[in-house]
Amino acid sequence: MNLSSCPICKHELKIREVSCERCKITYKGDFDTSWLAAFSDSQLEFIKLFLLVQGNLKELQNQLGISYPTIKSRLADIIRLITEKEPTKDKVADVLADLEEGFINVEEAINMINTRRQK
C-alpha cells in the first residue's frame, strides 16, 4: 500500500515508526519519505514499464494497449508530481512536436488541442 498523504485531509503524512516483522525491532523518530512515495501503485508500474522499454513511447503504447494521448497524459501527471508544478495552460508545442515526429496523426493532434482549450 502506498500511503504518502492523509486519506482524509490530503496533507503529507510523516513516518514516525518503522518495524521489522522478523526480529520484532521497532525504530521511532522522524523519518523522511522518498519522492517516489508520492506515486500511486499504478503510476509506479507505469514508470517501471517506461524504464523497461527505455522510454520508447510506441512500445509503451503497444505493451499497455492504450492510446498515445493517454500515454502522454499519464507522463504529464507523473512529471507534475515530480516537479510539483501545474502544467501551463494552452501550450500546443508538444502536440505539434508529436505530430511532426509521427507519434500522432493530424486528427489526434486536433483532438488533443481542442481538449486542452476546453479546460
C-alpha atoms as a PDB file:
ATOM      1  CA  MET A   1       0.000   0.000   0.000  1.00  0.00           C
ATOM      2  CA  ASN A   2       1.316   3.398  -0.953  1.00  0.00           C
ATOM      3  CA  LEU A   3       0.273   5.949   1.650  1.00  0.00           C
ATOM      4  CA  SER A   4       2.036   9.294   1.330  1.00  0.00           C
ATOM      5  CA  SER A   5      -0.838  11.644   2.175  1.00  0.00           C
ATOM      6  CA  CYS A   6      -3.700  11.603   4.652  1.00  0.00           C
ATOM      7  CA  PRO A   7      -6.758   9.905   3.162  1.00  0.00           C
ATOM      8  CA  ILE A   8      -8.984  12.463   4.936  1.00  0.00           C
ATOM      9  CA  CYS A   9      -7.331  15.877   4.536  1.00  0.00           C
ATOM     10  CA  LYS A  10      -4.694  15.006   1.870  1.00  0.00           C
ATOM     11  CA  HIS A  11      -1.869  16.563   3.940  1.00  0.00           C
ATOM     12  CA  GLU A  12       1.548  14.886   3.716  1.00  0.00           C
ATOM     13  CA  LEU A  13       1.982  12.049   6.217  1.00  0.00           C
ATOM     14  CA  LYS A  14       5.123  11.786   8.364  1.00  0.00           C
ATOM     15  CA  ILE A  15       6.683   8.451   9.206  1.00  0.00           C
ATOM     16  CA  ARG A  16       7.246   8.184  12.953  1.00  0.00           C
ATOM     17  CA  GLU A  17       7.768   4.448  13.389  1.00  0.00           C
ATOM     18  CA  VAL A  18       9.192   1.573  11.377  1.00  0.00           C
ATOM     19  CA  SER A  19       9.489  -2.024  12.455  1.00  0.00           C
ATOM     20  CA  CYS A  20      10.820  -5.394  11.339  1.00  0.00           C
ATOM     21  CA  GLU A  21       8.269  -8.211  11.388  1.00  0.00           C
ATOM     22  CA  ARG A  22      11.010 -10.845  11.558  1.00  0.00           C
ATOM     23  CA  CYS A  23      13.041  -9.701  14.549  1.00  0.00           C
ATOM     24  CA  LYS A  24      10.310  -7.548  16.110  1.00  0.00           C
ATOM     25  CA  ILE A  25      12.526  -4.474  16.484  1.00  0.00           C
ATOM     26  CA  THR A  26      10.897  -1.052  16.212  1.00  0.00           C
ATOM     27  CA  TYR A  27      12.529   2.290  15.467  1.00  0.00           C
ATOM     28  CA  LYS A  28      10.787   5.512  16.470  1.00  0.00           C
ATOM     29  CA  GLY A  29      11.655   9.005  15.238  1.00  0.00           C
ATOM     30  CA  ASP A  30      11.087  11.365  12.324  1.00  0.00           C
ATOM     31  CA  PHE A  31      11.868   9.633   9.044  1.00  0.00           C
ATOM     32  CA  ASP A  32      11.996  11.173   5.578  1.00  0.00           C
ATOM     33  CA  THR A  33       9.974   9.658   2.782  1.00  0.00           C
ATOM     34  CA  SER A  34      11.255   9.090  -0.707  1.00  0.00           C
ATOM     35  CA  TRP A  35       9.978  11.305  -3.525  1.00  0.00           C
ATOM     36  CA  LEU A  36       8.701   8.045  -5.005  1.00  0.00           C
ATOM     37  CA  ALA A  37       6.146   7.818  -2.193  1.00  0.00           C
ATOM     38  CA  ALA A  38       4.033  10.415  -3.992  1.00  0.00           C
ATOM     39  CA  PHE A  39       3.206   7.932  -6.774  1.00  0.00           C
ATOM     40  CA  SER A  40       0.268   5.545  -6.766  1.00  0.00           C
ATOM     41  CA  ASP A  41       0.911   1.848  -7.358  1.00  0.00           C
ATOM     42  CA  SER A  42      -0.348   2.144 -10.944  1.00  0.00           C
ATOM     43  CA  GLN A  43       1.962   5.120 -11.577  1.00  0.00           C
ATOM     44  CA  LEU A  44       4.924   3.140 -10.222  1.00  0.00           C
ATOM     45  CA  GLU A  45       4.044   0.249 -12.560  1.00  0.00           C
ATOM     46  CA  PHE A  46       3.838   2.727 -15.454  1.00  0.00           C
ATOM     47  CA  ILE A  47       7.264   4.178 -14.541  1.00  0.00           C
ATOM     48  CA  LYS A  48       8.725   0.663 -14.269  1.00  0.00           C
ATOM     49  CA  LEU A  49       7.434  -0.291 -17.726  1.00  0.00           C
ATOM     50  CA  PHE A  50       8.575   3.083 -19.138  1.00  0.00           C
ATOM     51  CA  LEU A  51      12.104   2.272 -17.950  1.00  0.00           C
ATOM     52  CA  LEU A  52      11.959  -1.320 -19.215  1.00  0.00           C
ATOM     53  CA  VAL A  53      11.037  -0.131 -22.730  1.00  0.00           C
ATOM     54  CA  GLN A  54      13.766   2.516 -22.420  1.00  0.00           C
ATOM     55  CA  GLY A  55      11.352   5.400 -22.890  1.00  0.00           C
ATOM     56  CA  ASN A  56      10.036   4.154 -26.237  1.00  0.00           C
ATOM     57  CA  LEU A  57       6.516   5.579 -26.226  1.00  0.00           C
ATOM     58  CA  LYS A  58       5.362   3.478 -29.182  1.00  0.00           C
ATOM     59  CA  GLU A  59       6.438   0.311 -27.374  1.00  0.00           C
ATOM     60  CA  LEU A  60       4.818   1.535 -24.150  1.00  0.00           C
ATOM     61  CA  GLN A  61       1.608   2.142 -26.098  1.00  0.00           C
ATOM     62  CA  ASN A  62       1.757  -1.401 -27.502  1.00  0.00           C
ATOM     63  CA  GLN A  63       2.551  -3.014 -24.139  1.00  0.00           C
ATOM     64  CA  LEU A  64      -0.262  -1.233 -22.307  1.00  0.00           C
ATOM     65  CA  GLY A  65      -2.776  -1.275 -25.144  1.00  0.00           C
ATOM     66  CA  ILE A  66      -3.674   2.386 -24.646  1.00  0.00           C
ATOM     67  CA  SER A  67      -3.611   5.380 -26.955  1.00  0.00           C
ATOM     68  CA  TYR A  68      -0.670   7.701 -27.406  1.00  0.00           C
ATOM     69  CA  PRO A  69      -2.571  10.683 -25.917  1.00  0.00           C
ATOM     70  CA  THR A  70      -3.282   8.565 -22.809  1.00  0.00           C
ATOM     71  CA  ILE A  71       0.429   7.739 -22.519  1.00  0.00           C
ATOM     72  CA  LYS A  72       1.257  11.458 -22.753  1.00  0.00           C
ATOM     73  CA  SER A  73      -1.387  12.304 -20.161  1.00  0.00           C
ATOM     74  CA  ARG A  74      -0.022   9.744 -17.697  1.00  0.00           C
ATOM     75  CA  LEU A  75       3.507  11.027 -18.235  1.00  0.00           C
ATOM     76  CA  ALA A  76       2.306  14.593 -17.651  1.00  0.00           C
ATOM     77  CA  ASP A  77       0.722  13.528 -14.339  1.00  0.00           C
ATOM     78  CA  ILE A  78       3.966  11.891 -13.240  1.00  0.00           C
ATOM     79  CA  ILE A  79       6.031  14.910 -14.272  1.00  0.00           C
ATOM     80  CA  ARG A  80       3.642  17.189 -12.390  1.00  0.00           C
ATOM     81  CA  LEU A  81       4.199  15.133  -9.219  1.00  0.00           C
ATOM     82  CA  ILE A  82       7.977  15.176  -9.661  1.00  0.00           C
ATOM     83  CA  THR A  83       8.228  18.898 -10.361  1.00  0.00           C
ATOM     84  CA  GLU A  84       5.304  19.874  -8.110  1.00  0.00           C
ATOM     85  CA  LYS A  85       4.157  22.271 -10.835  1.00  0.00           C
ATOM     86  CA  GLU A  86       0.863  22.561 -12.619  1.00  0.00           C
ATOM     87  CA  PRO A  87       1.162  22.303 -16.398  1.00  0.00           C
ATOM     88  CA  THR A  88       0.987  25.514 -18.366  1.00  0.00           C
ATOM     89  CA  LYS A  89      -2.374  26.013 -19.975  1.00  0.00           C
ATOM     90  CA  ASP A  90      -2.974  26.018 -23.729  1.00  0.00           C
ATOM     91  CA  LYS A  91       0.505  25.067 -24.870  1.00  0.00           C
ATOM     92  CA  VAL A  92       0.466  23.089 -28.086  1.00  0.00           C
ATOM     93  CA  ALA A  93       4.177  22.867 -28.871  1.00  0.00           C
ATOM     94  CA  ASP A  94       4.419  19.301 -27.538  1.00  0.00           C
ATOM     95  CA  VAL A  95       1.401  18.221 -29.611  1.00  0.00           C
ATOM     96  CA  LEU A  96       2.916  19.738 -32.751  1.00  0.00           C
ATOM     97  CA  ALA A  97       6.256  18.069 -31.998  1.00  0.00           C
ATOM     98  CA  ASP A  98       4.500  14.713 -31.592  1.00  0.00           C
ATOM     99  CA  LEU A  99       2.711  15.287 -34.891  1.00  0.00           C
ATOM    100  CA  GLU A 100       5.967  16.170 -36.627  1.00  0.00           C
ATOM    101  CA  GLU A 101       7.682  13.051 -35.226  1.00  0.00           C
ATOM    102  CA  GLY A 102       4.832  10.864 -36.441  1.00  0.00           C
ATOM    103  CA  PHE A 103       3.695   9.747 -32.977  1.00  0.00           C
ATOM    104  CA  ILE A 104       0.182  11.048 -33.664  1.00  0.00           C
ATOM    105  CA  ASN A 105      -1.806  11.867 -36.771  1.00  0.00           C
ATOM    106  CA  VAL A 106      -3.470  15.192 -37.665  1.00  0.00           C
ATOM    107  CA  GLU A 107      -6.866  14.146 -36.302  1.00  0.00           C
ATOM    108  CA  GLU A 108      -5.351  13.137 -32.931  1.00  0.00           C
ATOM    109  CA  ALA A 109      -3.429  16.427 -32.778  1.00  0.00           C
ATOM    110  CA  ILE A 110      -6.590  18.444 -33.420  1.00  0.00           C
ATOM    111  CA  ASN A 111      -8.477  16.473 -30.762  1.00  0.00           C
ATOM    112  CA  MET A 112      -5.684  16.975 -28.202  1.00  0.00           C
ATOM    113  CA  ILE A 113      -5.539  20.723 -28.892  1.00  0.00           C
ATOM    114  CA  ASN A 114      -9.316  21.080 -28.690  1.00  0.00           C
ATOM    115  CA  THR A 115      -9.410  19.129 -25.411  1.00  0.00           C
ATOM    116  CA  ARG A 116      -6.773  21.420 -23.893  1.00  0.00           C
ATOM    117  CA  ARG A 117      -8.631  24.541 -24.978  1.00  0.00           C
ATOM    118  CA  GLN A 118     -11.878  23.296 -23.395  1.00  0.00           C
ATOM    119  CA  LYS A 119     -10.245  23.001 -19.959  1.00  0.00           C
END
